[in-house]
Amino acid sequence: MNTTFSALTLGLGLTVASAAALADNGRLLATGGASSINGAAGGGITPWAVLAGYGEQGEWGGNAFVTRVETGDYRLDVAGGAVSYGNRIELSYARQRFDLGTLARDLSLPGNTLSQDIFGLKVRLFGDLIYDQLPQVSLGIEHKRQKDFFVPNAVGAKRDEDTEGYIAASRLFLGGAFGYNLLVNGGLRYSRANELGLLGFGGDRRDTRSVLKEGSVAVLFNPRWAVGVEYREKPDNLNFAGESDWADVFVGYFPNKHLSIVLAYARLGEIATLDNQDGAYLSIQGSF
């Protein structure tokens, strides 16, 4: 990982370490989720309705994370963090850096990376992950700024920044899967981001936002281990290439409230004309 990501990770890690005692006795282990590639708390490719960290009413919580997704032709590095207060509101930030790899070499592109900043806000509207009759429901917005617009503009993207919204509902069913705890999450996203926004927003095929489905299911075999699947629908705004929906199968390890590790096999389909972009996903998160 380059020096920019290393420095950001170190700074966020020190923040987590200095505040770890603030919510040591908060929510149950693993109920803070991991970090999505957009920075919000939840799964890897989809956010959940949960908020970052383990803070309860009147407490702070948060996390810092690094993620790498690597296929045969591309690599995505993400670093960021989130803070929450009172198990009610979450602020998040993520920097994504996408290495174009094979595509940059084949097309002799002037640059071999794309990057963007993502600023997120999530608010828990009502319900609770475990204890309420209703599932926990949260509303989120994400403002994205693409930093390298030459390639996205050349392939038909209309703008280099945009804001999108999503709603997510999450429920943990105690003993819901043959005696094991079952986490179910579903969401809708209102977006026109091309490949998360790394290829800009809107396109020459369509420049309106779409309502996109997201979801995940996980079985917690014990408080420290989870296995699950995720799905994320994608828009198809650009004529030069199709944009595939994403899915993954993941294993999450939560040894304590201050560390989580997620390993996944991701099926990303076609990205920028290159098919069969399947590969490994690894994310490491520190929480408080």
Foldseek 3Di string as FASTA:
>chain_A
DDPVQVVLQVVQVVVLVVCVPQQQPFDAFCQQAAADLLWAHPYDPDHALWGAFGDAAATKKKKWKWKWWDFPAKIKIKTWMKMDHNRFKMKIKMKIKMFRGPVCVVVVDPDGIKIKMKIKMKGFDDDDQEDGPFFTKMKMKIKMAIDDAPQLVVQFADDRIDMKIKMKTKHWDQLPPVRWIKIKMKMKIWAQAAPNRSSHGAGPQGRGTDIWIWIKMWTDPDSFKIKIKIWTQDDAGTPQDGFGTKMKIKMKGGPGSFKIKIKIWIAGADDRNDGRGIGIMIMIMTMD
